[in-house]
Structure formats: C-alpha cells, structure tokens
Amino acid sequence: MYRIYSILIILTVSCMSLFAQTDRAHIRMGNRHYRSGAVEQAEVEYSKAVTKNDRNPQALYNLGCAYMQQNKDSLAAVFFDKAANLETSKLGKSKSFHNAGVIFQKHQMYAEAIKAYEQALRLNPNDNETRYNLVLCKRQQKNQPQENKKQQKKQEKKQEKQEQKQQEQPKDQMSKDNAEQLLQAAMQEEKNTQRKLQKVKTQAQRKSLQKNW
C-alpha cells in the first residue's frame, strides 16, 4: 500500500559538502534499519537526516513512512505533505500523495483520500495501485451513508432490548445498590437504638446510686 524511497548511490568525482554527506548517511542508515524491520531505529536516523537538512524530500518522505508503519498517522501525513511540496520529480511527488491518500482512506476521510489519489495519478498515470485505491475509495465513500445507517439501527435495537429487559424486571426486585443502601440504613438505625438503650441504662444506674446515698 505504501512505498519507501531507496537512496541511489551514484559514484561521481564531484565534491559534496560534509553537510550533504551527513544527511545522506543518515538516510542510508535509516533505510538499512527499515528494510530489516527496525522501524523505530529507522525513524531515529531519518529524524537526524531531517535535522541536518529539513529541505531534503527523501528524508521527509522516509520519515513519513517510518511514522506510518508505527500507526503515527497524523505525523506521517504532515511529512508526506512537506515531501510533496519540496520534491522536484513527478514520481517522488506521486508517492507522497499516494501514501497520504492511504492514511485518509484508513480514517474514512474519503474526500481527502480521493483528492490525494487523483493528484498522485496525474503525476504518475501508470500507477495501477493508486488507481485501484481510488476506485475502492470512491465505492467506500458512496456506501458510507448506508454503513452509518446500519450502525445507527444496530444501536437503536440494542437500546430497545435493554429498555424491554428493564420493563420485564419484577417491580419488587431490588437493585444491588438499593439493597446495600437499605442494609446500611438498618445498621445505622440499630446503632442509634443501642446508643439510646445504653443512655437509658446509664441514667437508671445514676438514679439508683443517688437513692442509696
């Protein structure tokens, strides 16, 4: 459903700045982690690359993929958008739009997903995977109101069953909370009665002592 950039290592005698070398080195290291399944370590390396050069579309795109793999969809969408804005190649832009579409579709934001897929296809008309997702997304958008109605009816039936069950319950049947409240009240009343009896007994004893004197 989504793709990861591979950095092409081109042998050349032209000079590269240390800044660019460090940037690319982090991307290459991140790619190795990503391919081995160590996505969190890949995220760290891509983040370092972005810190070194926040206008590198490859670093931004790959960081978006690392976030996407970890279900950090909001962050992933932000970096795909940044990558698409900075990318100069049509293929690179189309990949960012494709992945953004996947995120929107996953969260049932079908209008946004359709727009992203259409942008990807304009840049890369031969992308059959994006075309398939676009067709599926349009179908899901069309069926969305029906799905919402089904969920609503299901919830209404569940509520009706609960109300019916409550009505069928015997009127003299106490709930657990009511029973506990009554028990506590009875215990408190018993304590009050015991205190009153003790008070009367004490008063009687005092009167008896006074008579003896």
N, C-alpha and C. Protein backbone atom coordinates (compact mmCIF):
# COMPACT_ATOMS: atom_id res chain seq x y z
N MET A 1 0.83 -1.21 0.00
CA MET A 1 0.00 0.00 0.00
C MET A 1 0.86 1.26 0.00
N TYR A 2 2.04 1.23 0.63
CA TYR A 2 2.87 2.41 0.60
C TYR A 2 4.29 2.01 0.31
N ARG A 3 5.11 2.97 -0.09
CA ARG A 3 6.44 2.67 -0.59
C ARG A 3 7.49 3.40 0.22
N ILE A 4 8.73 2.95 0.10
CA ILE A 4 9.85 3.59 0.78
C ILE A 4 10.90 3.94 -0.26
N TYR A 5 11.43 5.15 -0.16
CA TYR A 5 12.46 5.59 -1.08
C TYR A 5 13.74 4.81 -0.83
N SER A 6 14.44 4.45 -1.89
CA SER A 6 15.79 3.92 -1.76
C SER A 6 16.73 4.98 -2.31
N ILE A 7 17.73 5.32 -1.56
CA ILE A 7 18.68 6.33 -1.99
C ILE A 7 19.66 5.70 -2.98
N LEU A 8 19.74 6.24 -4.17
CA LEU A 8 20.65 5.73 -5.18
C LEU A 8 22.03 6.30 -4.93
N ILE A 9 23.00 5.41 -4.81
CA ILE A 9 24.38 5.84 -4.58
C ILE A 9 25.05 5.99 -5.93
N ILE A 10 25.34 7.20 -6.33
CA ILE A 10 25.93 7.47 -7.64
C ILE A 10 27.40 7.81 -7.45
N LEU A 11 28.26 7.04 -8.08
CA LEU A 11 29.69 7.30 -8.00
C LEU A 11 30.02 8.50 -8.87
N THR A 12 30.66 9.46 -8.26
CA THR A 12 30.99 10.67 -9.01
C THR A 12 32.22 11.30 -8.40
N VAL A 13 32.92 12.08 -9.18
CA VAL A 13 34.13 12.72 -8.69
C VAL A 13 33.84 14.14 -8.23
N SER A 14 32.59 14.55 -8.36
CA SER A 14 32.26 15.91 -7.94
C SER A 14 32.30 16.01 -6.43
N CYS A 15 32.64 17.17 -5.93
CA CYS A 15 32.74 17.38 -4.49
C CYS A 15 31.37 17.53 -3.88
N MET A 16 31.21 16.93 -2.71
CA MET A 16 29.97 17.07 -1.94
C MET A 16 30.34 17.67 -0.60
N SER A 17 29.46 18.52 -0.10
CA SER A 17 29.72 19.14 1.19
C SER A 17 29.57 18.13 2.30
N LEU A 18 30.25 18.36 3.39
CA LEU A 18 30.13 17.48 4.56
C LEU A 18 28.71 17.45 5.07
N PHE A 19 28.02 18.57 4.95
CA PHE A 19 26.63 18.68 5.38
C PHE A 19 25.77 17.69 4.62
N ALA A 20 25.93 17.63 3.28
CA ALA A 20 25.14 16.73 2.44
C ALA A 20 25.51 15.28 2.71
N GLN A 21 26.81 15.01 2.92
CA GLN A 21 27.24 13.64 3.19
C GLN A 21 26.60 13.11 4.48
N THR A 22 26.59 13.93 5.50
CA THR A 22 26.00 13.51 6.77
C THR A 22 24.51 13.26 6.60
N ASP A 23 23.86 14.11 5.86
CA ASP A 23 22.43 13.99 5.58
C ASP A 23 22.13 12.66 4.89
N ARG A 24 22.85 12.38 3.83
CA ARG A 24 22.63 11.14 3.08
C ARG A 24 23.03 9.90 3.88
N ALA A 25 24.05 10.04 4.70
CA ALA A 25 24.49 8.90 5.51
C ALA A 25 23.40 8.46 6.47
N HIS A 26 22.71 9.42 7.07
CA HIS A 26 21.62 9.08 7.98
C HIS A 26 20.47 8.40 7.23
N ILE A 27 20.21 8.86 6.01
CA ILE A 27 19.14 8.24 5.22
C ILE A 27 19.50 6.80 4.88
N ARG A 28 20.75 6.58 4.47
CA ARG A 28 21.18 5.21 4.13
C ARG A 28 21.09 4.29 5.35
N MET A 29 21.52 4.81 6.49
CA MET A 29 21.43 4.01 7.72
C MET A 29 19.97 3.73 8.08
N GLY A 30 19.12 4.73 7.92
CA GLY A 30 17.70 4.54 8.17
C GLY A 30 17.08 3.51 7.26
N ASN A 31 17.50 3.51 5.99
CA ASN A 31 16.99 2.53 5.03
C ASN A 31 17.36 1.10 5.43
N ARG A 32 18.58 0.95 5.94
CA ARG A 32 19.01 -0.40 6.37
C ARG A 32 18.16 -0.87 7.55
N HIS A 33 17.92 0.02 8.49
CA HIS A 33 17.06 -0.35 9.63
C HIS A 33 15.64 -0.66 9.16
N TYR A 34 15.14 0.15 8.25
CA TYR A 34 13.76 -0.01 7.77
C TYR A 34 13.59 -1.37 7.08
N ARG A 35 14.53 -1.71 6.21
CA ARG A 35 14.43 -2.98 5.48
C ARG A 35 14.54 -4.18 6.41
N SER A 36 15.26 -4.03 7.52
CA SER A 36 15.41 -5.14 8.48
C SER A 36 14.25 -5.22 9.47
N GLY A 37 13.33 -4.25 9.38
CA GLY A 37 12.17 -4.26 10.26
C GLY A 37 12.34 -3.45 11.53
N ALA A 38 13.50 -2.83 11.70
CA ALA A 38 13.75 -2.00 12.88
C ALA A 38 13.26 -0.58 12.59
N VAL A 39 11.95 -0.42 12.58
CA VAL A 39 11.35 0.84 12.14
C VAL A 39 11.65 1.99 13.11
N GLU A 40 11.68 1.71 14.40
CA GLU A 40 11.96 2.77 15.37
C GLU A 40 13.36 3.33 15.18
N GLN A 41 14.33 2.45 14.92
CA GLN A 41 15.70 2.92 14.68
C GLN A 41 15.76 3.69 13.36
N ALA A 42 14.98 3.23 12.38
CA ALA A 42 14.91 3.95 11.10
C ALA A 42 14.37 5.36 11.31
N GLU A 43 13.34 5.46 12.15
CA GLU A 43 12.76 6.78 12.45
C GLU A 43 13.81 7.72 13.04
N VAL A 44 14.64 7.18 13.93
CA VAL A 44 15.69 8.00 14.56
C VAL A 44 16.65 8.53 13.50
N GLU A 45 17.09 7.65 12.59
CA GLU A 45 18.05 8.06 11.57
C GLU A 45 17.43 9.07 10.60
N TYR A 46 16.18 8.83 10.20
CA TYR A 46 15.52 9.78 9.29
C TYR A 46 15.32 11.14 9.98
N SER A 47 15.03 11.11 11.25
CA SER A 47 14.87 12.36 12.01
C SER A 47 16.18 13.13 12.04
N LYS A 48 17.29 12.40 12.21
CA LYS A 48 18.61 13.05 12.19
C LYS A 48 18.88 13.68 10.83
N ALA A 49 18.48 12.97 9.78
CA ALA A 49 18.67 13.50 8.42
C ALA A 49 17.87 14.78 8.22
N VAL A 50 16.64 14.78 8.72
CA VAL A 50 15.79 15.97 8.60
C VAL A 50 16.36 17.12 9.41
N THR A 51 16.95 16.80 10.57
CA THR A 51 17.57 17.84 11.39
C THR A 51 18.75 18.46 10.66
N LYS A 52 19.52 17.62 9.94
CA LYS A 52 20.65 18.13 9.17
C LYS A 52 20.19 18.95 7.96
N ASN A 53 19.10 18.51 7.34
CA ASN A 53 18.61 19.19 6.14
C ASN A 53 17.10 19.01 6.05
N ASP A 54 16.37 20.00 6.53
CA ASP A 54 14.91 19.89 6.58
C ASP A 54 14.24 20.17 5.23
N ARG A 55 15.05 20.32 4.19
CA ARG A 55 14.52 20.51 2.84
C ARG A 55 14.88 19.34 1.93
N ASN A 56 15.24 18.24 2.54
CA ASN A 56 15.54 17.03 1.78
C ASN A 56 14.25 16.21 1.65
N PRO A 57 13.63 16.17 0.48
CA PRO A 57 12.34 15.48 0.34
C PRO A 57 12.43 13.98 0.60
N GLN A 58 13.61 13.39 0.32
CA GLN A 58 13.77 11.95 0.57
C GLN A 58 13.72 11.65 2.06
N ALA A 59 14.42 12.49 2.84
CA ALA A 59 14.42 12.30 4.29
C ALA A 59 13.02 12.51 4.86
N LEU A 60 12.32 13.52 4.38
CA LEU A 60 10.96 13.81 4.85
C LEU A 60 10.01 12.67 4.50
N TYR A 61 10.10 12.19 3.27
CA TYR A 61 9.22 11.10 2.82
C TYR A 61 9.48 9.83 3.63
N ASN A 62 10.76 9.48 3.78
CA ASN A 62 11.09 8.25 4.50
C ASN A 62 10.69 8.33 5.97
N LEU A 63 10.83 9.51 6.56
CA LEU A 63 10.39 9.68 7.95
C LEU A 63 8.87 9.51 8.03
N GLY A 64 8.15 10.00 7.03
CA GLY A 64 6.70 9.79 6.97
C GLY A 64 6.36 8.31 6.92
N CYS A 65 7.12 7.55 6.14
CA CYS A 65 6.89 6.10 6.04
C CYS A 65 7.14 5.40 7.38
N ALA A 66 8.20 5.83 8.08
CA ALA A 66 8.51 5.24 9.39
C ALA A 66 7.39 5.52 10.37
N TYR A 67 6.85 6.74 10.37
CA TYR A 67 5.73 7.07 11.24
C TYR A 67 4.50 6.24 10.85
N MET A 68 4.29 6.10 9.57
CA MET A 68 3.11 5.36 9.07
C MET A 68 3.15 3.90 9.51
N GLN A 69 4.34 3.32 9.48
CA GLN A 69 4.50 1.93 9.89
C GLN A 69 4.16 1.73 11.36
N GLN A 70 4.33 2.80 12.15
CA GLN A 70 4.05 2.71 13.58
C GLN A 70 2.68 3.28 13.94
N ASN A 71 1.85 3.47 12.91
CA ASN A 71 0.49 3.99 13.09
C ASN A 71 0.46 5.40 13.68
N LYS A 72 1.52 6.16 13.47
CA LYS A 72 1.54 7.57 13.84
C LYS A 72 1.08 8.38 12.63
N ASP A 73 -0.19 8.19 12.30
CA ASP A 73 -0.70 8.68 11.02
C ASP A 73 -0.70 10.19 10.88
N SER A 74 -0.99 10.90 11.95
CA SER A 74 -1.03 12.36 11.87
C SER A 74 0.34 12.93 11.52
N LEU A 75 1.37 12.41 12.18
CA LEU A 75 2.73 12.84 11.89
C LEU A 75 3.13 12.45 10.48
N ALA A 76 2.78 11.24 10.08
CA ALA A 76 3.12 10.76 8.74
C ALA A 76 2.53 11.68 7.67
N ALA A 77 1.27 12.06 7.84
CA ALA A 77 0.61 12.91 6.86
C ALA A 77 1.31 14.26 6.74
N VAL A 78 1.78 14.80 7.85
CA VAL A 78 2.49 16.08 7.83
C VAL A 78 3.76 15.98 7.00
N PHE A 79 4.52 14.90 7.17
CA PHE A 79 5.79 14.77 6.46
C PHE A 79 5.60 14.40 5.00
N PHE A 80 4.53 13.69 4.68
CA PHE A 80 4.24 13.43 3.26
C PHE A 80 3.88 14.73 2.55
N ASP A 81 3.17 15.60 3.23
CA ASP A 81 2.81 16.89 2.65
C ASP A 81 4.07 17.74 2.42
N LYS A 82 4.97 17.76 3.39
CA LYS A 82 6.22 18.51 3.24
C LYS A 82 7.06 17.94 2.10
N ALA A 83 7.13 16.62 2.03
CA ALA A 83 7.91 15.98 0.97
C ALA A 83 7.35 16.30 -0.41
N ALA A 84 6.03 16.27 -0.53
CA ALA A 84 5.39 16.56 -1.83
C ALA A 84 5.67 18.00 -2.27
N ASN A 85 5.70 18.93 -1.32
CA ASN A 85 5.94 20.33 -1.64
C ASN A 85 7.38 20.60 -2.08
N LEU A 86 8.32 19.81 -1.54
CA LEU A 86 9.73 20.03 -1.84
C LEU A 86 10.26 19.15 -2.97
N GLU A 87 9.58 18.04 -3.23
CA GLU A 87 10.04 17.10 -4.25
C GLU A 87 9.96 17.73 -5.64
N THR A 88 10.99 17.50 -6.43
CA THR A 88 11.01 18.06 -7.78
C THR A 88 10.60 17.04 -8.84
N SER A 89 10.76 15.75 -8.54
CA SER A 89 10.39 14.73 -9.52
C SER A 89 8.91 14.37 -9.39
N LYS A 90 8.28 14.10 -10.52
CA LYS A 90 6.86 13.73 -10.52
C LYS A 90 6.64 12.41 -9.78
N LEU A 91 7.55 11.47 -9.96
CA LEU A 91 7.41 10.17 -9.31
C LEU A 91 7.46 10.31 -7.79
N GLY A 92 8.41 11.13 -7.32
CA GLY A 92 8.52 11.34 -5.88
C GLY A 92 7.29 12.01 -5.30
N LYS A 93 6.76 13.00 -5.99
CA LYS A 93 5.54 13.67 -5.54
C LYS A 93 4.37 12.69 -5.50
N SER A 94 4.27 11.85 -6.53
CA SER A 94 3.13 10.93 -6.60
C SER A 94 3.15 9.93 -5.44
N LYS A 95 4.34 9.52 -5.02
CA LYS A 95 4.45 8.59 -3.89
C LYS A 95 3.95 9.25 -2.60
N SER A 96 4.29 10.51 -2.41
CA SER A 96 3.83 11.21 -1.21
C SER A 96 2.32 11.35 -1.21
N PHE A 97 1.75 11.71 -2.36
CA PHE A 97 0.30 11.84 -2.45
C PHE A 97 -0.39 10.48 -2.26
N HIS A 98 0.21 9.43 -2.81
CA HIS A 98 -0.35 8.08 -2.66
C HIS A 98 -0.44 7.70 -1.18
N ASN A 99 0.66 7.89 -0.45
CA ASN A 99 0.67 7.50 0.96
C ASN A 99 -0.26 8.35 1.80
N ALA A 100 -0.35 9.64 1.45
CA ALA A 100 -1.30 10.50 2.16
C ALA A 100 -2.72 9.99 1.93
N GLY A 101 -2.99 9.56 0.70
CA GLY A 101 -4.31 9.00 0.39
C GLY A 101 -4.62 7.76 1.21
N VAL A 102 -3.61 6.92 1.40
CA VAL A 102 -3.80 5.70 2.20
C VAL A 102 -4.19 6.05 3.63
N ILE A 103 -3.53 7.07 4.20
CA ILE A 103 -3.85 7.49 5.56
C ILE A 103 -5.28 8.02 5.65
N PHE A 104 -5.65 8.89 4.72
CA PHE A 104 -7.01 9.44 4.73
C PHE A 104 -8.06 8.33 4.57
N GLN A 105 -7.79 7.40 3.68
CA GLN A 105 -8.73 6.31 3.44
C GLN A 105 -8.88 5.43 4.68
N LYS A 106 -7.77 5.20 5.36
CA LYS A 106 -7.78 4.39 6.58
C LYS A 106 -8.70 5.01 7.64
N HIS A 107 -8.72 6.33 7.70
CA HIS A 107 -9.52 7.03 8.71
C HIS A 107 -10.87 7.50 8.15
N GLN A 108 -11.27 6.89 7.04
CA GLN A 108 -12.58 7.14 6.42
C GLN A 108 -12.77 8.61 6.02
N MET A 109 -11.68 9.28 5.74
CA MET A 109 -11.74 10.64 5.20
C MET A 109 -11.67 10.53 3.68
N TYR A 110 -12.77 10.05 3.11
CA TYR A 110 -12.75 9.62 1.72
C TYR A 110 -12.56 10.76 0.73
N ALA A 111 -13.14 11.91 1.00
CA ALA A 111 -12.99 13.04 0.09
C ALA A 111 -11.52 13.46 -0.02
N GLU A 112 -10.84 13.53 1.13
CA GLU A 112 -9.42 13.89 1.14
C GLU A 112 -8.58 12.81 0.47
N ALA A 113 -8.93 11.55 0.70
CA ALA A 113 -8.19 10.45 0.10
C ALA A 113 -8.32 10.46 -1.43
N ILE A 114 -9.53 10.69 -1.91
CA ILE A 114 -9.76 10.73 -3.36
C ILE A 114 -8.95 11.84 -4.00
N LYS A 115 -8.92 12.99 -3.35
CA LYS A 115 -8.15 14.12 -3.88
C LYS A 115 -6.66 13.77 -3.96
N ALA A 116 -6.14 13.13 -2.91
CA ALA A 116 -4.72 12.75 -2.88
C ALA A 116 -4.41 11.72 -3.96
N TYR A 117 -5.27 10.73 -4.13
CA TYR A 117 -5.05 9.71 -5.16
C TYR A 117 -5.09 10.32 -6.56
N GLU A 118 -6.00 11.23 -6.78
CA GLU A 118 -6.11 11.88 -8.09
C GLU A 118 -4.85 12.69 -8.40
N GLN A 119 -4.32 13.37 -7.40
CA GLN A 119 -3.08 14.11 -7.59
C GLN A 119 -1.93 13.16 -7.92
N ALA A 120 -1.90 12.01 -7.23
CA ALA A 120 -0.85 11.02 -7.49
C ALA A 120 -0.95 10.48 -8.91
N LEU A 121 -2.16 10.23 -9.37
CA LEU A 121 -2.35 9.70 -10.72
C LEU A 121 -2.02 10.72 -11.81
N ARG A 122 -2.27 11.97 -11.54
CA ARG A 122 -1.91 13.00 -12.52
C ARG A 122 -0.40 13.04 -12.72
N LEU A 123 0.33 12.78 -11.64
CA LEU A 123 1.78 12.79 -11.72
C LEU A 123 2.33 11.47 -12.25
N ASN A 124 1.62 10.39 -11.99
CA ASN A 124 2.07 9.07 -12.45
C ASN A 124 0.86 8.26 -12.93
N PRO A 125 0.42 8.48 -14.17
CA PRO A 125 -0.79 7.83 -14.70
C PRO A 125 -0.69 6.31 -14.79
N ASN A 126 0.50 5.76 -14.74
CA ASN A 126 0.69 4.31 -14.88
C ASN A 126 0.67 3.57 -13.54
N ASP A 127 0.37 4.28 -12.47
CA ASP A 127 0.37 3.66 -11.14
C ASP A 127 -0.96 2.93 -10.92
N ASN A 128 -0.97 1.64 -11.18
CA ASN A 128 -2.20 0.85 -11.04
C ASN A 128 -2.63 0.68 -9.59
N GLU A 129 -1.69 0.69 -8.68
CA GLU A 129 -2.03 0.55 -7.26
C GLU A 129 -2.83 1.75 -6.77
N THR A 130 -2.39 2.94 -7.18
CA THR A 130 -3.13 4.15 -6.81
C THR A 130 -4.50 4.15 -7.46
N ARG A 131 -4.55 3.71 -8.71
CA ARG A 131 -5.84 3.67 -9.42
C ARG A 131 -6.82 2.72 -8.72
N TYR A 132 -6.33 1.57 -8.28
CA TYR A 132 -7.17 0.61 -7.57
C TYR A 132 -7.69 1.23 -6.26
N ASN A 133 -6.78 1.87 -5.51
CA ASN A 133 -7.19 2.51 -4.25
C ASN A 133 -8.23 3.60 -4.48
N LEU A 134 -8.08 4.32 -5.60
CA LEU A 134 -9.02 5.40 -5.91
C LEU A 134 -10.42 4.84 -6.17
N VAL A 135 -10.48 3.78 -6.95
CA VAL A 135 -11.78 3.16 -7.25
C VAL A 135 -12.43 2.63 -5.97
N LEU A 136 -11.63 1.96 -5.15
CA LEU A 136 -12.14 1.40 -3.89
C LEU A 136 -12.61 2.52 -2.97
N CYS A 137 -11.85 3.60 -2.92
CA CYS A 137 -12.19 4.71 -2.04
C CYS A 137 -13.51 5.37 -2.46
N LYS A 138 -13.71 5.52 -3.76
CA LYS A 138 -14.96 6.10 -4.24
C LYS A 138 -16.15 5.21 -3.89
N ARG A 139 -15.95 3.91 -3.97
CA ARG A 139 -17.01 2.96 -3.60
C ARG A 139 -17.32 3.06 -2.11
N GLN A 140 -16.28 3.17 -1.30
CA GLN A 140 -16.48 3.30 0.15
C GLN A 140 -17.19 4.60 0.50
N GLN A 141 -16.84 5.65 -0.21
CA GLN A 141 -17.49 6.94 0.04
C GLN A 141 -18.98 6.86 -0.29
N LYS A 142 -19.30 6.16 -1.37
CA LYS A 142 -20.70 6.00 -1.79
C LYS A 142 -21.49 5.20 -0.78
N ASN A 143 -20.86 4.19 -0.18
CA ASN A 143 -21.55 3.30 0.77
C ASN A 143 -21.51 3.83 2.19
N GLN A 144 -20.80 4.89 2.44
CA GLN A 144 -20.64 5.40 3.81
C GLN A 144 -21.97 5.75 4.48
N PRO A 145 -22.90 6.47 3.80
CA PRO A 145 -24.18 6.76 4.46
C PRO A 145 -24.95 5.51 4.85
N GLN A 146 -24.90 4.48 3.99
CA GLN A 146 -25.59 3.22 4.30
C GLN A 146 -24.97 2.55 5.52
N GLU A 147 -23.65 2.59 5.61
CA GLU A 147 -22.98 1.98 6.75
C GLU A 147 -23.34 2.72 8.04
N ASN A 148 -23.42 4.05 7.94
CA ASN A 148 -23.79 4.83 9.11
C ASN A 148 -25.21 4.50 9.57
N LYS A 149 -26.11 4.31 8.60
CA LYS A 149 -27.50 3.96 8.93
C LYS A 149 -27.56 2.58 9.58
N LYS A 150 -26.77 1.64 9.09
CA LYS A 150 -26.75 0.30 9.67
C LYS A 150 -26.29 0.34 11.12
N GLN A 151 -25.23 1.12 11.37
CA GLN A 151 -24.71 1.24 12.73
C GLN A 151 -25.75 1.89 13.65
N GLN A 152 -26.46 2.87 13.11
CA GLN A 152 -27.47 3.56 13.91
C GLN A 152 -28.62 2.62 14.26
N LYS A 153 -29.08 1.83 13.28
CA LYS A 153 -30.16 0.87 13.52
C LYS A 153 -29.73 -0.19 14.53
N LYS A 154 -28.49 -0.63 14.42
CA LYS A 154 -27.96 -1.63 15.34
C LYS A 154 -27.96 -1.10 16.77
N GLN A 155 -27.57 0.17 16.92
CA GLN A 155 -27.53 0.79 18.23
C GLN A 155 -28.94 0.96 18.79
N GLU A 156 -29.90 1.33 17.92
CA GLU A 156 -31.28 1.51 18.35
C GLU A 156 -31.88 0.19 18.83
N LYS A 157 -31.62 -0.90 18.11
CA LYS A 157 -32.12 -2.22 18.51
C LYS A 157 -31.54 -2.63 19.85
N LYS A 158 -30.27 -2.36 20.05
CA LYS A 158 -29.62 -2.70 21.32
C LYS A 158 -30.26 -1.94 22.47
N GLN A 159 -30.56 -0.67 22.24
CA GLN A 159 -31.18 0.15 23.27
C GLN A 159 -32.60 -0.32 23.58
N GLU A 160 -33.34 -0.72 22.54
CA GLU A 160 -34.70 -1.22 22.73
C GLU A 160 -34.70 -2.49 23.57
N LYS A 161 -33.74 -3.39 23.32
CA LYS A 161 -33.64 -4.62 24.09
C LYS A 161 -33.35 -4.34 25.56
N GLN A 162 -32.48 -3.37 25.80
CA GLN A 162 -32.16 -3.02 27.18
C GLN A 162 -33.37 -2.45 27.91
N GLU A 163 -34.13 -1.58 27.23
CA GLU A 163 -35.33 -1.00 27.83
C GLU A 163 -36.38 -2.06 28.09
N GLN A 164 -36.52 -3.00 27.14
CA GLN A 164 -37.50 -4.07 27.30
C GLN A 164 -37.13 -4.96 28.48
N LYS A 165 -35.85 -5.22 28.64
CA LYS A 165 -35.38 -6.06 29.74
C LYS A 165 -35.66 -5.39 31.08
N GLN A 166 -35.49 -4.08 31.13
CA GLN A 166 -35.76 -3.34 32.35
C GLN A 166 -37.24 -3.34 32.70
N GLN A 167 -38.10 -3.26 31.67
CA GLN A 167 -39.54 -3.27 31.90
C GLN A 167 -40.03 -4.63 32.39
N GLU A 168 -39.39 -5.70 31.91
CA GLU A 168 -39.78 -7.06 32.30
C GLU A 168 -39.30 -7.42 33.69
N GLN A 169 -38.39 -6.66 34.23
CA GLN A 169 -37.85 -6.96 35.56
C GLN A 169 -38.92 -6.73 36.63
N PRO A 170 -39.14 -7.68 37.58
CA PRO A 170 -40.16 -7.52 38.63
C PRO A 170 -39.97 -6.22 39.39
N LYS A 171 -41.10 -5.57 39.71
CA LYS A 171 -41.04 -4.26 40.38
C LYS A 171 -40.48 -4.37 41.78
N ASP A 172 -40.75 -5.53 42.46
CA ASP A 172 -40.29 -5.67 43.84
C ASP A 172 -38.85 -6.15 43.93
N GLN A 173 -38.22 -6.31 42.78
CA GLN A 173 -36.84 -6.77 42.79
C GLN A 173 -35.90 -5.58 43.01
N MET A 174 -35.10 -5.69 44.04
CA MET A 174 -34.20 -4.58 44.37
C MET A 174 -32.93 -4.66 43.54
N SER A 175 -32.40 -3.50 43.25
CA SER A 175 -31.09 -3.47 42.64
C SER A 175 -30.05 -3.67 43.74
N LYS A 176 -28.85 -3.96 43.35
CA LYS A 176 -27.79 -4.20 44.32
C LYS A 176 -27.51 -2.94 45.12
N ASP A 177 -27.52 -1.78 44.45
CA ASP A 177 -27.26 -0.52 45.14
C ASP A 177 -28.33 -0.21 46.17
N ASN A 178 -29.60 -0.43 45.78
CA ASN A 178 -30.70 -0.18 46.72
C ASN A 178 -30.61 -1.08 47.94
N ALA A 179 -30.29 -2.32 47.73
CA ALA A 179 -30.19 -3.28 48.83
C ALA A 179 -29.08 -2.87 49.80
N GLU A 180 -27.95 -2.43 49.25
CA GLU A 180 -26.85 -2.01 50.10
C GLU A 180 -27.23 -0.76 50.90
N GLN A 181 -27.94 0.16 50.26
CA GLN A 181 -28.37 1.38 50.95
C GLN A 181 -29.31 1.05 52.11
N LEU A 182 -30.25 0.13 51.87
CA LEU A 182 -31.18 -0.27 52.92
C LEU A 182 -30.47 -0.97 54.07
N LEU A 183 -29.49 -1.79 53.74
CA LEU A 183 -28.74 -2.51 54.75
C LEU A 183 -27.96 -1.53 55.63
N GLN A 184 -27.31 -0.55 54.99
CA GLN A 184 -26.56 0.45 55.74
C GLN A 184 -27.49 1.27 56.63
N ALA A 185 -28.68 1.61 56.11
CA ALA A 185 -29.64 2.37 56.92
C ALA A 185 -30.09 1.56 58.13
N ALA A 186 -30.32 0.27 57.93
CA ALA A 186 -30.75 -0.60 59.03
C ALA A 186 -29.66 -0.72 60.09
N MET A 187 -28.42 -0.84 59.65
CA MET A 187 -27.31 -0.94 60.58
C MET A 187 -27.15 0.35 61.39
N GLN A 188 -27.33 1.49 60.72
CA GLN A 188 -27.23 2.77 61.41
C GLN A 188 -28.34 2.93 62.43
N GLU A 189 -29.54 2.48 62.07
CA GLU A 189 -30.67 2.55 62.98
C GLU A 189 -30.44 1.68 64.20
N GLU A 190 -29.83 0.52 63.98
CA GLU A 190 -29.51 -0.39 65.09
C GLU A 190 -28.51 0.25 66.05
N LYS A 191 -27.51 0.94 65.47
CA LYS A 191 -26.53 1.62 66.31
C LYS A 191 -27.20 2.72 67.14
N ASN A 192 -28.09 3.47 66.50
CA ASN A 192 -28.80 4.52 67.22
C ASN A 192 -29.63 3.96 68.37
N THR A 193 -30.27 2.83 68.11
CA THR A 193 -31.09 2.19 69.15
C THR A 193 -30.22 1.73 70.31
N GLN A 194 -29.06 1.14 70.00
CA GLN A 194 -28.15 0.67 71.05
C GLN A 194 -27.65 1.83 71.90
N ARG A 195 -27.36 2.98 71.22
CA ARG A 195 -26.90 4.15 71.97
C ARG A 195 -27.98 4.67 72.91
N LYS A 196 -29.24 4.67 72.44
CA LYS A 196 -30.36 5.12 73.27
C LYS A 196 -30.54 4.22 74.48
N LEU A 197 -30.46 2.89 74.27
CA LEU A 197 -30.60 1.94 75.36
C LEU A 197 -29.49 2.11 76.39
N GLN A 198 -28.28 2.32 75.88
CA GLN A 198 -27.15 2.50 76.79
C GLN A 198 -27.31 3.77 77.61
N LYS A 199 -27.83 4.82 76.97
CA LYS A 199 -28.06 6.08 77.68
C LYS A 199 -29.09 5.92 78.79
N VAL A 200 -30.20 5.20 78.47
CA VAL A 200 -31.25 4.96 79.47
C VAL A 200 -30.70 4.14 80.61
N LYS A 201 -29.89 3.14 80.32
CA LYS A 201 -29.32 2.26 81.34
C LYS A 201 -28.40 3.06 82.26
N THR A 202 -27.60 3.95 81.64
CA THR A 202 -26.67 4.76 82.44
C THR A 202 -27.43 5.69 83.37
N GLN A 203 -28.49 6.31 82.86
CA GLN A 203 -29.31 7.21 83.68
C GLN A 203 -29.95 6.46 84.85
N ALA A 204 -30.43 5.24 84.58
CA ALA A 204 -31.06 4.44 85.63
C ALA A 204 -30.05 4.10 86.72
N GLN A 205 -28.83 3.77 86.34
CA GLN A 205 -27.79 3.43 87.31
C GLN A 205 -27.46 4.64 88.19
N ARG A 206 -27.42 5.83 87.55
CA ARG A 206 -27.14 7.05 88.31
C ARG A 206 -28.23 7.32 89.35
N LYS A 207 -29.48 7.16 88.95
CA LYS A 207 -30.60 7.37 89.87
C LYS A 207 -30.52 6.40 91.03
N SER A 208 -30.17 5.14 90.75
CA SER A 208 -30.07 4.12 91.78
C SER A 208 -29.00 4.48 92.81
N LEU A 209 -27.88 4.98 92.34
CA LEU A 209 -26.80 5.38 93.24
C LEU A 209 -27.21 6.57 94.11
N GLN A 210 -27.92 7.51 93.52
CA GLN A 210 -28.36 8.68 94.27
C GLN A 210 -29.34 8.27 95.39
N LYS A 211 -30.21 7.31 95.15
CA LYS A 211 -31.17 6.83 96.14
C LYS A 211 -30.44 6.17 97.28
N ASN A 212 -29.39 5.40 96.97
CA ASN A 212 -28.64 4.69 98.01
C ASN A 212 -27.97 5.67 98.97
N TRP A 213 -27.58 6.80 98.41
CA TRP A 213 -26.97 7.81 99.30
C TRP A 213 -28.03 8.48 100.11
